[in-house]
Amino acid sequence: MHATAYTYDAGTRSGQVLLDDGTPVPFDAAAFDAGGLRLLRPGQRVRIETEGEGEGRRITLVTLQTF
């Protein structure tokens, strides 16, 4: 699934992405670390993997989208 980086805190390695429908979804340090990224800037397109549905959905991986 694709999204856009919305917020990122380098200290906690966590933040939020916006899904293409505008829904914000938070991610934690484990999801950020799983993608092997070192930095994330708001506005960057990312690829995410999630598990669960609805309010229980959580991001398990955040990485840069490549074309």
Protein backbone atom coordinates (compact mmCIF):
# COMPACT_ATOMS: atom_id res chain seq x y z
CA MET A 1 0.00 0.00 0.00
CA HIS A 2 1.23 3.52 -0.71
CA ALA A 3 0.98 6.63 1.44
CA THR A 4 2.61 10.01 2.03
CA ALA A 5 4.84 10.75 5.02
CA TYR A 6 3.02 13.28 7.19
CA THR A 7 5.04 13.59 10.39
CA TYR A 8 8.30 12.07 11.61
CA ASP A 9 10.17 12.46 14.90
CA ALA A 10 13.83 11.44 14.55
CA GLY A 11 14.17 11.09 18.32
CA THR A 12 11.51 8.41 18.63
CA ARG A 13 11.69 7.18 14.99
CA SER A 14 7.89 7.34 14.86
CA GLY A 15 5.31 9.44 13.07
CA GLN A 16 2.28 9.33 10.82
CA VAL A 17 1.53 8.74 7.17
CA LEU A 18 -1.49 9.87 5.21
CA LEU A 19 -3.25 7.24 3.15
CA ASP A 20 -4.37 8.36 -0.30
CA ASP A 21 -7.87 8.97 1.08
CA GLY A 22 -6.42 11.41 3.65
CA THR A 23 -6.63 9.08 6.65
CA PRO A 24 -3.70 9.55 9.06
CA VAL A 25 -2.17 6.31 10.35
CA PRO A 26 0.60 6.31 12.99
CA PHE A 27 3.72 4.17 12.83
CA ASP A 28 6.18 3.25 15.58
CA ALA A 29 9.94 2.79 15.69
CA ALA A 30 9.66 -0.94 14.93
CA ALA A 31 7.85 -0.23 11.64
CA PHE A 32 10.38 2.48 10.73
CA ASP A 33 13.36 0.23 11.57
CA ALA A 34 11.89 -2.66 9.55
CA GLY A 35 12.12 -0.52 6.41
CA GLY A 36 15.83 0.20 6.88
CA LEU A 37 15.38 3.96 6.57
CA ARG A 38 17.61 6.52 8.25
CA LEU A 39 15.45 9.60 7.76
CA LEU A 40 11.98 10.47 6.54
CA ARG A 41 10.77 13.87 5.35
CA PRO A 42 7.12 14.95 5.29
CA GLY A 43 5.76 14.74 1.76
CA GLN A 44 7.83 11.74 0.69
CA ARG A 45 5.89 8.90 -0.90
CA VAL A 46 6.28 5.69 1.06
CA ARG A 47 5.26 2.07 0.79
CA ILE A 48 3.72 0.61 3.91
CA GLU A 49 2.63 -2.80 5.07
CA THR A 50 -0.15 -3.11 7.62
CA GLU A 51 -1.87 -5.72 9.71
CA GLY A 52 -5.31 -5.67 11.26
CA GLU A 53 -8.33 -3.64 10.17
CA GLY A 54 -10.26 -0.55 11.20
CA GLU A 55 -9.17 0.98 14.49
CA GLY A 56 -6.88 -2.01 15.09
CA ARG A 57 -4.86 -1.47 11.90
CA ARG A 58 -1.18 -0.86 12.50
CA ILE A 59 1.77 -0.27 10.21
CA THR A 60 4.46 -2.96 10.33
CA LEU A 61 6.84 -1.55 7.68
CA VAL A 62 7.62 1.88 6.23
CA THR A 63 9.99 2.24 3.29
CA LEU A 64 10.44 4.65 0.40
CA GLN A 65 8.33 4.11 -2.67
CA THR A 66 10.37 3.38 -5.75
CA PHE A 67 9.12 3.65 -9.30
